[in-house]
PDB file of N, CA and C in Angstrom:
ATOM      1  N   MET A   1     -50.677  14.759 -27.110  1.00  0.00           N
ATOM      2  CA  MET A   1     -50.388  14.295 -25.759  1.00  0.00           C
ATOM      3  C   MET A   1     -51.714  13.890 -25.096  1.00  0.00           C
ATOM      4  N   LYS A   2     -51.757  12.706 -24.546  1.00  0.00           N
ATOM      5  CA  LYS A   2     -52.973  12.178 -23.931  1.00  0.00           C
ATOM      6  C   LYS A   2     -53.427  13.036 -22.750  1.00  0.00           C
ATOM      7  N   GLN A   3     -52.487  13.603 -22.016  1.00  0.00           N
ATOM      8  CA  GLN A   3     -52.843  14.437 -20.866  1.00  0.00           C
ATOM      9  C   GLN A   3     -53.685  15.632 -21.310  1.00  0.00           C
ATOM     10  N   ASP A   4     -53.404  16.181 -22.466  1.00  0.00           N
ATOM     11  CA  ASP A   4     -54.217  17.289 -22.984  1.00  0.00           C
ATOM     12  C   ASP A   4     -55.665  16.854 -23.179  1.00  0.00           C
ATOM     13  N   THR A   5     -55.850  15.630 -23.658  1.00  0.00           N
ATOM     14  CA  THR A   5     -57.192  15.086 -23.836  1.00  0.00           C
ATOM     15  C   THR A   5     -57.864  14.913 -22.488  1.00  0.00           C
ATOM     16  N   TYR A   6     -57.108  14.386 -21.524  1.00  0.00           N
ATOM     17  CA  TYR A   6     -57.650  14.218 -20.174  1.00  0.00           C
ATOM     18  C   TYR A   6     -58.044  15.572 -19.577  1.00  0.00           C
ATOM     19  N   TYR A   7     -57.244  16.588 -19.820  1.00  0.00           N
ATOM     20  CA  TYR A   7     -57.521  17.915 -19.267  1.00  0.00           C
ATOM     21  C   TYR A   7     -58.701  18.590 -19.959  1.00  0.00           C
ATOM     22  N   ALA A   8     -58.869  18.365 -21.242  1.00  0.00           N
ATOM     23  CA  ALA A   8     -59.948  19.007 -21.994  1.00  0.00           C
ATOM     24  C   ALA A   8     -61.313  18.458 -21.589  1.00  0.00           C
ATOM     25  N   TYR A   9     -61.374  17.183 -21.280  1.00  0.00           N
ATOM     26  CA  TYR A   9     -62.664  16.565 -20.978  1.00  0.00           C
ATOM     27  C   TYR A   9     -63.353  17.185 -19.755  1.00  0.00           C
ATOM     28  N   PRO A  10     -62.673  17.367 -18.621  1.00  0.00           N
ATOM     29  CA  PRO A  10     -63.355  18.016 -17.491  1.00  0.00           C
ATOM     30  C   PRO A  10     -63.818  19.440 -17.820  1.00  0.00           C
ATOM     31  N   ASP A  11     -63.055  20.137 -18.640  1.00  0.00           N
ATOM     32  CA  ASP A  11     -63.472  21.485 -19.044  1.00  0.00           C
ATOM     33  C   ASP A  11     -64.780  21.421 -19.831  1.00  0.00           C
ATOM     34  N   GLU A  12     -64.895  20.416 -20.707  1.00  0.00           N
ATOM     35  CA  GLU A  12     -66.129  20.238 -21.469  1.00  0.00           C
ATOM     36  C   GLU A  12     -67.294  19.921 -20.538  1.00  0.00           C
ATOM     37  N   LEU A  13     -67.049  19.065 -19.550  1.00  0.00           N
ATOM     38  CA  LEU A  13     -68.096  18.740 -18.580  1.00  0.00           C
ATOM     39  C   LEU A  13     -68.531  19.982 -17.817  1.00  0.00           C
ATOM     40  N   ARG A  14     -67.558  20.751 -17.360  1.00  0.00           N
ATOM     41  CA  ARG A  14     -67.861  21.975 -16.615  1.00  0.00           C
ATOM     42  C   ARG A  14     -68.681  22.925 -17.475  1.00  0.00           C
ATOM     43  N   ASP A  15     -68.250  23.111 -18.711  1.00  0.00           N
ATOM     44  CA  ASP A  15     -68.936  24.035 -19.612  1.00  0.00           C
ATOM     45  C   ASP A  15     -70.353  23.578 -19.946  1.00  0.00           C
ATOM     46  N   SER A  16     -70.582  22.268 -19.890  1.00  0.00           N
ATOM     47  CA  SER A  16     -71.923  21.743 -20.179  1.00  0.00           C
ATOM     48  C   SER A  16     -72.910  22.091 -19.075  1.00  0.00           C
ATOM     49  N   GLY A  17     -72.394  22.331 -17.866  1.00  0.00           N
ATOM     50  CA  GLY A  17     -73.248  22.639 -16.734  1.00  0.00           C
ATOM     51  C   GLY A  17     -73.886  21.420 -16.092  1.00  0.00           C
ATOM     52  N   LEU A  18     -73.553  20.227 -16.576  1.00  0.00           N
ATOM     53  CA  LEU A  18     -74.153  19.012 -16.040  1.00  0.00           C
ATOM     54  C   LEU A  18     -73.602  18.628 -14.668  1.00  0.00           C
ATOM     55  N   ILE A  19     -72.322  18.904 -14.456  1.00  0.00           N
ATOM     56  CA  ILE A  19     -71.697  18.556 -13.182  1.00  0.00           C
ATOM     57  C   ILE A  19     -70.703  19.643 -12.809  1.00  0.00           C
ATOM     58  N   ASN A  20     -70.284  19.618 -11.553  1.00  0.00           N
ATOM     59  CA  ASN A  20     -69.189  20.494 -11.161  1.00  0.00           C
ATOM     60  C   ASN A  20     -67.898  19.675 -11.184  1.00  0.00           C
ATOM     61  N   MET A  21     -66.798  20.312 -11.001  1.00  0.00           N
ATOM     62  CA  MET A  21     -65.510  19.632 -11.123  1.00  0.00           C
ATOM     63  C   MET A  21     -65.299  18.553 -10.064  1.00  0.00           C
ATOM     64  N   PHE A  22     -65.942  18.670  -8.928  1.00  0.00           N
ATOM     65  CA  PHE A  22     -65.732  17.687  -7.869  1.00  0.00           C
ATOM     66  C   PHE A  22     -66.331  16.331  -8.208  1.00  0.00           C
ATOM     67  N   GLY A  23     -67.243  16.276  -9.164  1.00  0.00           N
ATOM     68  CA  GLY A  23     -67.833  15.012  -9.580  1.00  0.00           C
ATOM     69  C   GLY A  23     -67.264  14.469 -10.875  1.00  0.00           C
ATOM     70  N   ALA A  24     -66.262  15.126 -11.414  1.00  0.00           N
ATOM     71  CA  ALA A  24     -65.767  14.787 -12.748  1.00  0.00           C
ATOM     72  C   ALA A  24     -64.902  13.535 -12.801  1.00  0.00           C
ATOM     73  N   ALA A  25     -64.314  13.113 -11.703  1.00  0.00           N
ATOM     74  CA  ALA A  25     -63.401  11.956 -11.740  1.00  0.00           C
ATOM     75  C   ALA A  25     -64.110  10.705 -12.237  1.00  0.00           C
ATOM     76  N   LYS A  26     -65.327  10.457 -11.794  1.00  0.00           N
ATOM     77  CA  LYS A  26     -66.022   9.249 -12.245  1.00  0.00           C
ATOM     78  C   LYS A  26     -66.344   9.329 -13.736  1.00  0.00           C
ATOM     79  N   PHE A  27     -66.575  10.539 -14.256  1.00  0.00           N
ATOM     80  CA  PHE A  27     -66.824  10.698 -15.684  1.00  0.00           C
ATOM     81  C   PHE A  27     -65.533  10.487 -16.481  1.00  0.00           C
ATOM     82  N   LEU A  28     -64.425  10.968 -15.955  1.00  0.00           N
ATOM     83  CA  LEU A  28     -63.123  10.718 -16.596  1.00  0.00           C
ATOM     84  C   LEU A  28     -62.848   9.220 -16.660  1.00  0.00           C
ATOM     85  N   GLU A  29     -63.109   8.527 -15.573  1.00  0.00           N
ATOM     86  CA  GLU A  29     -62.869   7.087 -15.509  1.00  0.00           C
ATOM     87  C   GLU A  29     -63.717   6.354 -16.554  1.00  0.00           C
ATOM     88  N   ARG A  30     -64.967   6.767 -16.725  1.00  0.00           N
ATOM     89  CA  ARG A  30     -65.841   6.136 -17.723  1.00  0.00           C
ATOM     90  C   ARG A  30     -65.413   6.449 -19.150  1.00  0.00           C
ATOM     91  N   GLU A  31     -65.021   7.690 -19.376  1.00  0.00           N
ATOM     92  CA  GLU A  31     -64.645   8.121 -20.731  1.00  0.00           C
ATOM     93  C   GLU A  31     -63.309   7.530 -21.169  1.00  0.00           C
ATOM     94  N   PHE A  32     -62.406   7.350 -20.225  1.00  0.00           N
ATOM     95  CA  PHE A  32     -61.062   6.850 -20.520  1.00  0.00           C
ATOM     96  C   PHE A  32     -60.818   5.589 -19.695  1.00  0.00           C
ATOM     97  N   PRO A  33     -61.181   4.421 -20.232  1.00  0.00           N
ATOM     98  CA  PRO A  33     -61.084   3.169 -19.470  1.00  0.00           C
ATOM     99  C   PRO A  33     -59.673   2.824 -18.982  1.00  0.00           C
ATOM    100  N   GLU A  34     -58.675   3.419 -19.595  1.00  0.00           N
ATOM    101  CA  GLU A  34     -57.303   3.147 -19.148  1.00  0.00           C
ATOM    102  C   GLU A  34     -57.000   3.802 -17.798  1.00  0.00           C
ATOM    103  N   LEU A  35     -57.867   4.699 -17.351  1.00  0.00           N
ATOM    104  CA  LEU A  35     -57.671   5.372 -16.066  1.00  0.00           C
ATOM    105  C   LEU A  35     -58.440   4.649 -14.966  1.00  0.00           C
ATOM    106  N   SER A  36     -57.756   4.315 -13.910  1.00  0.00           N
ATOM    107  CA  SER A  36     -58.456   3.851 -12.714  1.00  0.00           C
ATOM    108  C   SER A  36     -59.113   5.068 -12.077  1.00  0.00           C
ATOM    109  N   TYR A  37     -59.990   4.831 -11.112  1.00  0.00           N
ATOM    110  CA  TYR A  37     -60.622   5.973 -10.441  1.00  0.00           C
ATOM    111  C   TYR A  37     -59.568   6.847  -9.772  1.00  0.00           C
ATOM    112  N   ASP A  38     -58.590   6.215  -9.112  1.00  0.00           N
ATOM    113  CA  ASP A  38     -57.544   6.986  -8.435  1.00  0.00           C
ATOM    114  C   ASP A  38     -56.741   7.831  -9.414  1.00  0.00           C
ATOM    115  N   LYS A  39     -56.422   7.267 -10.565  1.00  0.00           N
ATOM    116  CA  LYS A  39     -55.677   8.023 -11.573  1.00  0.00           C
ATOM    117  C   LYS A  39     -56.544   9.151 -12.147  1.00  0.00           C
ATOM    118  N   ALA A  40     -57.816   8.879 -12.371  1.00  0.00           N
ATOM    119  CA  ALA A  40     -58.723   9.920 -12.865  1.00  0.00           C
ATOM    120  C   ALA A  40     -58.829  11.055 -11.860  1.00  0.00           C
ATOM    121  N   ALA A  41     -58.915  10.720 -10.581  1.00  0.00           N
ATOM    122  CA  ALA A  41     -58.972  11.748  -9.538  1.00  0.00           C
ATOM    123  C   ALA A  41     -57.678  12.545  -9.509  1.00  0.00           C
ATOM    124  N   SER A  42     -56.557  11.880  -9.712  1.00  0.00           N
ATOM    125  CA  SER A  42     -55.264  12.556  -9.745  1.00  0.00           C
ATOM    126  C   SER A  42     -55.170  13.503 -10.943  1.00  0.00           C
ATOM    127  N   VAL A  43     -55.612  13.052 -12.103  1.00  0.00           N
ATOM    128  CA  VAL A  43     -55.629  13.901 -13.301  1.00  0.00           C
ATOM    129  C   VAL A  43     -56.508  15.126 -13.052  1.00  0.00           C
ATOM    130  N   LEU A  44     -57.671  14.893 -12.482  1.00  0.00           N
ATOM    131  CA  LEU A  44     -58.593  15.991 -12.205  1.00  0.00           C
ATOM    132  C   LEU A  44     -57.986  16.985 -11.217  1.00  0.00           C
ATOM    133  N   HIS A  45     -57.384  16.466 -10.166  1.00  0.00           N
ATOM    134  CA  HIS A  45     -56.746  17.341  -9.175  1.00  0.00           C
ATOM    135  C   HIS A  45     -55.642  18.176  -9.832  1.00  0.00           C
ATOM    136  N   CYS A  46     -54.829  17.526 -10.626  1.00  0.00           N
ATOM    137  CA  CYS A  46     -53.740  18.219 -11.314  1.00  0.00           C
ATOM    138  C   CYS A  46     -54.296  19.283 -12.257  1.00  0.00           C
ATOM    139  N   ARG A  47     -55.391  18.946 -12.955  1.00  0.00           N
ATOM    140  CA  ARG A  47     -56.011  19.900 -13.878  1.00  0.00           C
ATOM    141  C   ARG A  47     -56.540  21.117 -13.124  1.00  0.00           C
ATOM    142  N   MET A  48     -57.165  20.873 -12.013  1.00  0.00           N
ATOM    143  CA  MET A  48     -57.707  21.975 -11.223  1.00  0.00           C
ATOM    144  C   MET A  48     -56.578  22.854 -10.686  1.00  0.00           C
ATOM    145  N   GLU A  49     -55.525  22.228 -10.213  1.00  0.00           N
ATOM    146  CA  GLU A  49     -54.374  22.989  -9.706  1.00  0.00           C
ATOM    147  C   GLU A  49     -53.721  23.806 -10.810  1.00  0.00           C
ATOM    148  N   SER A  50     -53.499  23.189 -11.957  1.00  0.00           N
ATOM    149  CA  SER A  50     -52.838  23.912 -13.056  1.00  0.00           C
ATOM    150  C   SER A  50     -53.728  25.022 -13.581  1.00  0.00           C
ATOM    151  N   HIS A  51     -55.031  24.802 -13.558  1.00  0.00           N
ATOM    152  CA  HIS A  51     -55.956  25.851 -13.995  1.00  0.00           C
ATOM    153  C   HIS A  51     -55.914  27.037 -13.038  1.00  0.00           C
ATOM    154  N   MET A  52     -55.866  26.748 -11.751  1.00  0.00           N
ATOM    155  CA  MET A  52     -55.834  27.823 -10.747  1.00  0.00           C
ATOM    156  C   MET A  52     -54.503  28.577 -10.787  1.00  0.00           C
ATOM    157  N   GLN A  53     -53.417  27.855 -11.022  1.00  0.00           N
ATOM    158  CA  GLN A  53     -52.093  28.471 -10.986  1.00  0.00           C
ATOM    159  C   GLN A  53     -51.559  28.787 -12.373  1.00  0.00           C
ATOM    160  N   ARG A  54     -52.279  28.329 -13.400  1.00  0.00           N
ATOM    161  CA  ARG A  54     -51.804  28.473 -14.781  1.00  0.00           C
ATOM    162  C   ARG A  54     -50.431  27.865 -14.963  1.00  0.00           C
ATOM    163  N   GLY A  55     -50.184  26.794 -14.211  1.00  0.00           N
ATOM    164  CA  GLY A  55     -48.925  26.063 -14.322  1.00  0.00           C
ATOM    165  C   GLY A  55     -49.172  24.715 -14.946  1.00  0.00           C
ATOM    166  N   ALA A  56     -48.229  23.872 -14.810  1.00  0.00           N
ATOM    167  CA  ALA A  56     -48.361  22.517 -15.347  1.00  0.00           C
ATOM    168  C   ALA A  56     -48.035  21.513 -14.264  1.00  0.00           C
ATOM    169  N   CYS A  57     -48.681  20.375 -14.347  1.00  0.00           N
ATOM    170  CA  CYS A  57     -48.445  19.279 -13.418  1.00  0.00           C
ATOM    171  C   CYS A  57     -47.488  18.294 -14.021  1.00  0.00           C
TER     172      CYS A  57
END
């Protein structure tokens, strides 16, 4: 599932220590050209919410 790939990437960025999650949308957009910035921000928001609630978006 592509969403799993989208969700894993911000976790990798966070774990690298290079950026915090609030700056990850632009990195998602660069890594996955099929995502517009708005869609990347939405994916990131959903990932953060699901991580906090351990639910799914």
